[in-house]
Amino acid sequence: MTINDNLKPISIEVVPEDQRLATTEKLFGNHFPLSIEPAIYAFADHLCTDYRGGYWDFYTLSNGGFYMAPNQQTDFHVICSNQFEGDLSPSAFGMSVGCYAFSHLSFSEDESLSQLCAKHYHLLRDAVLDHPDGPQILRAID
């Protein structure tokens, strides 16, 4: 469990379909459609050779963070460059690829994108610590 300001676990809330654009605009501005969302899909494709696209749900975190996860019931078999190999639930897969994307983009030459993604990496990683699959996600992103 994460120690946060409220000493409560970080909660996850699905973003309703009609609020997706407003939510991503508020959190990320134009960085979402131009950089963040494509990076998330690219890392999903890179980490899971069986990934073939699909509809993703958006989630906000009570600490101000965000992540996306594929809307499906089957697990994803991932192979990471850090030697982790295993099956992740859709939620764990989404958190993992989100961490990879935010981390990668935090090294952008665009300072506003870099700072935004560094912030969201840490917000998402804090939520990972409260997730039931947290230990496995940490192994995937370490």
N, C-alpha and C. Protein backbone atom coordinates (compact mmCIF):
# COMPACT_ATOMS: atom_id res chain seq x y z
N MET A 1 0.83 -1.17 0.00
CA MET A 1 0.00 0.00 0.00
C MET A 1 0.89 1.24 0.00
N THR A 2 0.41 2.27 -0.67
CA THR A 2 1.13 3.52 -0.77
C THR A 2 0.77 4.42 0.41
N ILE A 3 1.76 5.11 0.90
CA ILE A 3 1.47 6.15 1.88
C ILE A 3 1.28 7.43 1.09
N ASN A 4 0.05 7.94 1.11
CA ASN A 4 -0.22 9.18 0.42
C ASN A 4 -0.78 10.19 1.42
N ASP A 5 -1.10 11.37 0.93
CA ASP A 5 -1.52 12.45 1.82
C ASP A 5 -2.72 12.08 2.70
N ASN A 6 -3.62 11.27 2.18
CA ASN A 6 -4.83 10.93 2.93
C ASN A 6 -4.71 9.59 3.65
N LEU A 7 -3.60 8.92 3.52
CA LEU A 7 -3.39 7.59 4.09
C LEU A 7 -4.46 6.60 3.64
N LYS A 8 -5.00 6.83 2.46
CA LYS A 8 -5.98 5.93 1.86
C LYS A 8 -5.40 5.39 0.56
N PRO A 9 -5.79 4.18 0.20
CA PRO A 9 -5.35 3.67 -1.10
C PRO A 9 -5.82 4.59 -2.23
N ILE A 10 -5.06 4.63 -3.28
CA ILE A 10 -5.43 5.43 -4.44
C ILE A 10 -6.55 4.71 -5.17
N SER A 11 -7.64 5.42 -5.38
CA SER A 11 -8.78 4.80 -6.06
C SER A 11 -8.72 5.07 -7.56
N ILE A 12 -9.38 4.19 -8.29
CA ILE A 12 -9.42 4.23 -9.75
C ILE A 12 -10.86 4.41 -10.18
N GLU A 13 -11.08 5.32 -11.12
CA GLU A 13 -12.43 5.57 -11.60
C GLU A 13 -12.42 5.59 -13.13
N VAL A 14 -13.34 4.85 -13.74
CA VAL A 14 -13.43 4.84 -15.20
C VAL A 14 -13.95 6.20 -15.66
N VAL A 15 -13.40 6.68 -16.77
CA VAL A 15 -13.85 7.94 -17.36
C VAL A 15 -15.02 7.61 -18.29
N PRO A 16 -16.19 8.21 -18.05
CA PRO A 16 -17.32 7.95 -18.94
C PRO A 16 -16.99 8.35 -20.39
N GLU A 17 -17.56 7.62 -21.31
CA GLU A 17 -17.31 7.83 -22.73
C GLU A 17 -17.44 9.30 -23.13
N ASP A 18 -18.48 9.97 -22.67
CA ASP A 18 -18.70 11.36 -23.07
C ASP A 18 -17.77 12.36 -22.39
N GLN A 19 -16.90 11.89 -21.50
CA GLN A 19 -15.96 12.79 -20.82
C GLN A 19 -14.50 12.51 -21.17
N ARG A 20 -14.27 11.57 -22.07
CA ARG A 20 -12.90 11.18 -22.40
C ARG A 20 -12.09 12.34 -22.98
N LEU A 21 -12.62 13.04 -23.97
CA LEU A 21 -11.89 14.13 -24.59
C LEU A 21 -11.62 15.26 -23.61
N ALA A 22 -12.63 15.62 -22.84
CA ALA A 22 -12.46 16.70 -21.86
C ALA A 22 -11.44 16.32 -20.79
N THR A 23 -11.46 15.06 -20.37
CA THR A 23 -10.52 14.60 -19.34
C THR A 23 -9.08 14.64 -19.85
N THR A 24 -8.85 14.09 -21.03
CA THR A 24 -7.48 14.08 -21.55
C THR A 24 -7.01 15.49 -21.90
N GLU A 25 -7.90 16.33 -22.38
CA GLU A 25 -7.55 17.73 -22.66
C GLU A 25 -7.14 18.44 -21.38
N LYS A 26 -7.89 18.24 -20.32
CA LYS A 26 -7.59 18.89 -19.04
C LYS A 26 -6.25 18.41 -18.47
N LEU A 27 -6.00 17.11 -18.55
CA LEU A 27 -4.78 16.55 -17.97
C LEU A 27 -3.54 16.78 -18.83
N PHE A 28 -3.70 16.70 -20.16
CA PHE A 28 -2.52 16.65 -21.03
C PHE A 28 -2.52 17.65 -22.18
N GLY A 29 -3.64 18.30 -22.44
CA GLY A 29 -3.70 19.19 -23.60
C GLY A 29 -3.45 18.42 -24.88
N ASN A 30 -2.80 19.09 -25.84
CA ASN A 30 -2.52 18.46 -27.13
C ASN A 30 -1.47 17.36 -27.05
N HIS A 31 -0.79 17.26 -25.92
CA HIS A 31 0.21 16.20 -25.77
C HIS A 31 -0.43 14.81 -25.82
N PHE A 32 -1.70 14.72 -25.39
CA PHE A 32 -2.32 13.39 -25.38
C PHE A 32 -2.47 12.81 -26.79
N PRO A 33 -3.20 13.48 -27.69
CA PRO A 33 -3.37 12.85 -29.01
C PRO A 33 -2.10 12.83 -29.85
N LEU A 34 -1.20 13.77 -29.62
CA LEU A 34 -0.02 13.87 -30.46
C LEU A 34 1.14 13.01 -30.00
N SER A 35 1.27 12.77 -28.70
CA SER A 35 2.43 12.04 -28.18
C SER A 35 2.10 10.90 -27.24
N ILE A 36 1.26 11.16 -26.26
CA ILE A 36 1.04 10.19 -25.18
C ILE A 36 0.26 8.97 -25.66
N GLU A 37 -0.89 9.18 -26.27
CA GLU A 37 -1.70 8.05 -26.73
C GLU A 37 -0.95 7.19 -27.74
N PRO A 38 -0.29 7.78 -28.75
CA PRO A 38 0.47 6.93 -29.67
C PRO A 38 1.60 6.15 -28.98
N ALA A 39 2.24 6.76 -27.98
CA ALA A 39 3.31 6.06 -27.25
C ALA A 39 2.74 4.87 -26.48
N ILE A 40 1.58 5.04 -25.88
CA ILE A 40 0.95 3.95 -25.14
C ILE A 40 0.67 2.77 -26.08
N TYR A 41 0.08 3.05 -27.23
CA TYR A 41 -0.21 1.98 -28.18
C TYR A 41 1.07 1.33 -28.70
N ALA A 42 2.10 2.13 -28.92
CA ALA A 42 3.38 1.59 -29.41
C ALA A 42 4.01 0.66 -28.37
N PHE A 43 3.97 1.05 -27.10
CA PHE A 43 4.53 0.17 -26.07
C PHE A 43 3.67 -1.08 -25.89
N ALA A 44 2.37 -0.97 -26.04
CA ALA A 44 1.51 -2.16 -25.97
C ALA A 44 1.92 -3.15 -27.06
N ASP A 45 2.13 -2.64 -28.25
CA ASP A 45 2.54 -3.49 -29.37
C ASP A 45 3.93 -4.08 -29.15
N HIS A 46 4.82 -3.28 -28.58
CA HIS A 46 6.20 -3.73 -28.34
C HIS A 46 6.28 -4.80 -27.25
N LEU A 47 5.50 -4.66 -26.19
CA LEU A 47 5.59 -5.57 -25.04
C LEU A 47 4.80 -6.86 -25.23
N CYS A 48 3.81 -6.84 -26.11
CA CYS A 48 2.96 -8.02 -26.28
C CYS A 48 2.82 -8.31 -27.77
N THR A 49 3.48 -9.35 -28.22
CA THR A 49 3.45 -9.67 -29.66
C THR A 49 2.06 -10.09 -30.12
N ASP A 50 1.20 -10.51 -29.19
CA ASP A 50 -0.16 -10.90 -29.55
C ASP A 50 -1.14 -9.72 -29.53
N TYR A 51 -0.69 -8.55 -29.13
CA TYR A 51 -1.57 -7.38 -29.07
C TYR A 51 -1.97 -6.98 -30.49
N ARG A 52 -3.26 -6.82 -30.70
CA ARG A 52 -3.78 -6.48 -32.03
C ARG A 52 -4.68 -5.25 -32.01
N GLY A 53 -4.51 -4.39 -31.03
CA GLY A 53 -5.35 -3.21 -30.95
C GLY A 53 -6.66 -3.50 -30.25
N GLY A 54 -7.57 -2.57 -30.32
CA GLY A 54 -8.86 -2.71 -29.68
C GLY A 54 -9.24 -1.45 -28.92
N TYR A 55 -10.38 -1.52 -28.29
CA TYR A 55 -10.90 -0.38 -27.55
C TYR A 55 -10.25 -0.34 -26.16
N TRP A 56 -9.84 0.84 -25.74
CA TRP A 56 -9.22 1.03 -24.43
C TRP A 56 -10.12 1.91 -23.57
N ASP A 57 -10.27 1.54 -22.31
CA ASP A 57 -10.96 2.38 -21.34
C ASP A 57 -9.97 3.36 -20.74
N PHE A 58 -10.46 4.51 -20.34
CA PHE A 58 -9.64 5.53 -19.69
C PHE A 58 -9.99 5.55 -18.21
N TYR A 59 -8.99 5.77 -17.37
CA TYR A 59 -9.18 5.79 -15.92
C TYR A 59 -8.48 7.00 -15.32
N THR A 60 -9.13 7.62 -14.34
CA THR A 60 -8.48 8.65 -13.54
C THR A 60 -8.21 8.06 -12.17
N LEU A 61 -7.20 8.61 -11.54
CA LEU A 61 -6.77 8.16 -10.22
C LEU A 61 -7.05 9.25 -9.21
N SER A 62 -7.36 8.87 -7.99
CA SER A 62 -7.68 9.86 -6.95
C SER A 62 -6.50 10.76 -6.60
N ASN A 63 -5.29 10.38 -7.02
CA ASN A 63 -4.12 11.23 -6.77
C ASN A 63 -3.86 12.20 -7.93
N GLY A 64 -4.75 12.22 -8.93
CA GLY A 64 -4.60 13.11 -10.08
C GLY A 64 -4.01 12.44 -11.30
N GLY A 65 -3.69 11.16 -11.19
CA GLY A 65 -3.09 10.43 -12.30
C GLY A 65 -4.11 9.90 -13.29
N PHE A 66 -3.60 9.19 -14.28
CA PHE A 66 -4.40 8.70 -15.40
C PHE A 66 -3.73 7.45 -15.97
N TYR A 67 -4.54 6.55 -16.48
CA TYR A 67 -4.03 5.46 -17.32
C TYR A 67 -5.14 4.94 -18.20
N MET A 68 -4.76 4.14 -19.17
CA MET A 68 -5.67 3.50 -20.10
C MET A 68 -5.46 2.00 -20.01
N ALA A 69 -6.50 1.23 -20.27
CA ALA A 69 -6.37 -0.22 -20.28
C ALA A 69 -7.30 -0.80 -21.34
N PRO A 70 -6.85 -1.84 -22.02
CA PRO A 70 -7.70 -2.48 -23.02
C PRO A 70 -8.99 -3.02 -22.39
N ASN A 71 -10.08 -2.83 -23.09
CA ASN A 71 -11.38 -3.31 -22.63
C ASN A 71 -11.56 -4.73 -23.15
N GLN A 72 -10.99 -5.66 -22.42
CA GLN A 72 -11.15 -7.07 -22.76
C GLN A 72 -10.95 -7.90 -21.50
N GLN A 73 -11.29 -9.15 -21.58
CA GLN A 73 -11.25 -10.02 -20.41
C GLN A 73 -10.00 -10.90 -20.34
N THR A 74 -9.29 -11.04 -21.44
CA THR A 74 -8.15 -11.96 -21.47
C THR A 74 -6.86 -11.25 -21.07
N ASP A 75 -5.96 -12.02 -20.50
CA ASP A 75 -4.66 -11.49 -20.09
C ASP A 75 -3.76 -11.27 -21.30
N PHE A 76 -2.70 -10.50 -21.06
CA PHE A 76 -1.71 -10.20 -22.09
C PHE A 76 -0.39 -10.84 -21.69
N HIS A 77 0.20 -11.59 -22.60
CA HIS A 77 1.51 -12.18 -22.34
C HIS A 77 2.55 -11.17 -22.78
N VAL A 78 3.32 -10.66 -21.82
CA VAL A 78 4.31 -9.63 -22.12
C VAL A 78 5.72 -10.18 -21.95
N ILE A 79 6.59 -9.65 -22.77
CA ILE A 79 8.02 -9.95 -22.69
C ILE A 79 8.73 -8.60 -22.69
N CYS A 80 9.41 -8.31 -21.59
CA CYS A 80 10.06 -7.01 -21.41
C CYS A 80 11.57 -7.13 -21.55
N SER A 81 12.20 -6.04 -21.93
CA SER A 81 13.65 -6.04 -22.10
C SER A 81 14.39 -6.20 -20.77
N ASN A 82 13.69 -6.07 -19.64
CA ASN A 82 14.32 -6.25 -18.33
C ASN A 82 14.29 -7.72 -17.87
N GLN A 83 13.97 -8.62 -18.77
CA GLN A 83 13.92 -10.06 -18.54
C GLN A 83 12.61 -10.53 -17.89
N PHE A 84 11.66 -9.62 -17.66
CA PHE A 84 10.36 -10.06 -17.15
C PHE A 84 9.57 -10.66 -18.29
N GLU A 85 8.95 -11.80 -18.02
CA GLU A 85 8.01 -12.41 -18.95
C GLU A 85 6.87 -12.98 -18.12
N GLY A 86 5.65 -12.62 -18.50
CA GLY A 86 4.50 -13.13 -17.76
C GLY A 86 3.20 -12.60 -18.31
N ASP A 87 2.12 -13.04 -17.71
CA ASP A 87 0.78 -12.64 -18.12
C ASP A 87 0.28 -11.54 -17.19
N LEU A 88 -0.29 -10.50 -17.80
CA LEU A 88 -0.83 -9.38 -17.04
C LEU A 88 -2.31 -9.22 -17.38
N SER A 89 -3.10 -8.93 -16.38
CA SER A 89 -4.51 -8.60 -16.60
C SER A 89 -4.58 -7.34 -17.47
N PRO A 90 -5.72 -7.07 -18.09
CA PRO A 90 -5.83 -5.84 -18.88
C PRO A 90 -5.48 -4.58 -18.08
N SER A 91 -5.92 -4.50 -16.83
CA SER A 91 -5.60 -3.34 -16.01
C SER A 91 -4.10 -3.24 -15.74
N ALA A 92 -3.49 -4.36 -15.38
CA ALA A 92 -2.05 -4.38 -15.11
C ALA A 92 -1.26 -4.07 -16.38
N PHE A 93 -1.72 -4.59 -17.51
CA PHE A 93 -1.08 -4.31 -18.79
C PHE A 93 -1.15 -2.81 -19.10
N GLY A 94 -2.33 -2.23 -18.91
CA GLY A 94 -2.50 -0.79 -19.15
C GLY A 94 -1.61 0.05 -18.27
N MET A 95 -1.54 -0.31 -16.99
CA MET A 95 -0.66 0.44 -16.08
C MET A 95 0.80 0.28 -16.50
N SER A 96 1.17 -0.91 -16.90
CA SER A 96 2.56 -1.15 -17.32
C SER A 96 2.93 -0.34 -18.55
N VAL A 97 2.10 -0.43 -19.59
CA VAL A 97 2.43 0.32 -20.81
C VAL A 97 2.34 1.83 -20.56
N GLY A 98 1.44 2.25 -19.66
CA GLY A 98 1.39 3.66 -19.31
C GLY A 98 2.67 4.12 -18.64
N CYS A 99 3.20 3.32 -17.73
CA CYS A 99 4.47 3.65 -17.08
C CYS A 99 5.60 3.71 -18.10
N TYR A 100 5.65 2.74 -19.00
CA TYR A 100 6.68 2.75 -20.04
C TYR A 100 6.57 4.02 -20.88
N ALA A 101 5.35 4.36 -21.32
CA ALA A 101 5.17 5.53 -22.18
C ALA A 101 5.52 6.82 -21.44
N PHE A 102 5.02 6.98 -20.22
CA PHE A 102 5.33 8.20 -19.46
C PHE A 102 6.82 8.31 -19.20
N SER A 103 7.46 7.21 -18.85
CA SER A 103 8.90 7.24 -18.60
C SER A 103 9.66 7.64 -19.87
N HIS A 104 9.33 6.99 -20.97
CA HIS A 104 9.99 7.30 -22.24
C HIS A 104 9.83 8.77 -22.62
N LEU A 105 8.60 9.27 -22.52
CA LEU A 105 8.32 10.65 -22.91
C LEU A 105 8.88 11.67 -21.92
N SER A 106 9.21 11.23 -20.71
CA SER A 106 9.79 12.17 -19.74
C SER A 106 11.19 12.61 -20.16
N PHE A 107 11.76 11.94 -21.15
CA PHE A 107 13.07 12.33 -21.68
C PHE A 107 12.95 13.14 -22.97
N SER A 108 11.76 13.60 -23.28
CA SER A 108 11.52 14.39 -24.48
C SER A 108 12.28 15.71 -24.42
N GLU A 109 12.64 16.22 -25.58
CA GLU A 109 13.27 17.54 -25.65
C GLU A 109 12.26 18.65 -25.41
N ASP A 110 10.97 18.34 -25.57
CA ASP A 110 9.90 19.29 -25.27
C ASP A 110 9.74 19.33 -23.76
N GLU A 111 10.18 20.41 -23.14
CA GLU A 111 10.21 20.47 -21.68
C GLU A 111 8.83 20.33 -21.04
N SER A 112 7.80 20.90 -21.65
CA SER A 112 6.46 20.78 -21.06
C SER A 112 5.98 19.34 -21.10
N LEU A 113 6.24 18.63 -22.21
CA LEU A 113 5.87 17.21 -22.31
C LEU A 113 6.70 16.39 -21.33
N SER A 114 7.98 16.68 -21.25
CA SER A 114 8.88 15.95 -20.36
C SER A 114 8.42 16.06 -18.91
N GLN A 115 8.15 17.26 -18.45
CA GLN A 115 7.73 17.46 -17.05
C GLN A 115 6.37 16.83 -16.78
N LEU A 116 5.46 16.98 -17.72
CA LEU A 116 4.12 16.41 -17.57
C LEU A 116 4.19 14.89 -17.46
N CYS A 117 4.98 14.27 -18.30
CA CYS A 117 5.08 12.81 -18.29
C CYS A 117 5.83 12.30 -17.08
N ALA A 118 6.84 13.03 -16.61
CA ALA A 118 7.53 12.63 -15.38
C ALA A 118 6.55 12.66 -14.21
N LYS A 119 5.74 13.70 -14.14
CA LYS A 119 4.73 13.81 -13.08
C LYS A 119 3.74 12.64 -13.16
N HIS A 120 3.24 12.36 -14.36
CA HIS A 120 2.24 11.30 -14.49
C HIS A 120 2.83 9.91 -14.31
N TYR A 121 4.10 9.75 -14.61
CA TYR A 121 4.75 8.47 -14.32
C TYR A 121 4.68 8.21 -12.81
N HIS A 122 5.04 9.18 -12.01
CA HIS A 122 5.07 8.99 -10.55
C HIS A 122 3.66 8.82 -9.97
N LEU A 123 2.69 9.55 -10.51
CA LEU A 123 1.31 9.38 -10.05
C LEU A 123 0.81 7.96 -10.35
N LEU A 124 1.11 7.48 -11.55
CA LEU A 124 0.68 6.13 -11.94
C LEU A 124 1.45 5.08 -11.15
N ARG A 125 2.73 5.27 -10.96
CA ARG A 125 3.52 4.29 -10.19
C ARG A 125 3.01 4.20 -8.76
N ASP A 126 2.61 5.32 -8.17
CA ASP A 126 2.03 5.28 -6.83
C ASP A 126 0.76 4.44 -6.81
N ALA A 127 -0.05 4.54 -7.85
CA ALA A 127 -1.27 3.73 -7.94
C ALA A 127 -0.94 2.26 -8.13
N VAL A 128 0.14 1.98 -8.84
CA VAL A 128 0.58 0.59 -9.03
C VAL A 128 0.80 -0.07 -7.67
N LEU A 129 1.36 0.68 -6.73
CA LEU A 129 1.65 0.13 -5.40
C LEU A 129 0.38 -0.29 -4.66
N ASP A 130 -0.76 0.30 -5.02
CA ASP A 130 -2.04 -0.05 -4.41
C ASP A 130 -2.83 -1.07 -5.22
N HIS A 131 -2.35 -1.43 -6.39
CA HIS A 131 -3.07 -2.33 -7.29
C HIS A 131 -2.85 -3.78 -6.84
N PRO A 132 -3.88 -4.64 -6.93
CA PRO A 132 -3.71 -6.04 -6.55
C PRO A 132 -2.57 -6.75 -7.30
N ASP A 133 -2.31 -6.34 -8.54
CA ASP A 133 -1.23 -6.92 -9.33
C ASP A 133 0.05 -6.09 -9.25
N GLY A 134 0.13 -5.22 -8.26
CA GLY A 134 1.27 -4.30 -8.13
C GLY A 134 2.64 -4.94 -8.21
N PRO A 135 2.89 -6.03 -7.44
CA PRO A 135 4.22 -6.64 -7.52
C PRO A 135 4.59 -7.11 -8.93
N GLN A 136 3.64 -7.65 -9.64
CA GLN A 136 3.91 -8.12 -11.00
C GLN A 136 4.12 -6.94 -11.95
N ILE A 137 3.35 -5.88 -11.78
CA ILE A 137 3.53 -4.68 -12.61
C ILE A 137 4.92 -4.10 -12.37
N LEU A 138 5.32 -4.03 -11.10
CA LEU A 138 6.65 -3.49 -10.77
C LEU A 138 7.75 -4.32 -11.42
N ARG A 139 7.58 -5.63 -11.45
CA ARG A 139 8.58 -6.47 -12.12
C ARG A 139 8.62 -6.17 -13.62
N ALA A 140 7.45 -5.90 -14.20
CA ALA A 140 7.40 -5.61 -15.63
C ALA A 140 8.03 -4.27 -15.97
N ILE A 141 7.89 -3.29 -15.09
CA ILE A 141 8.38 -1.94 -15.42
C ILE A 141 9.76 -1.64 -14.84
N ASP A 142 10.31 -2.53 -14.01
CA ASP A 142 11.60 -2.26 -13.38
C ASP A 142 12.73 -2.28 -14.37
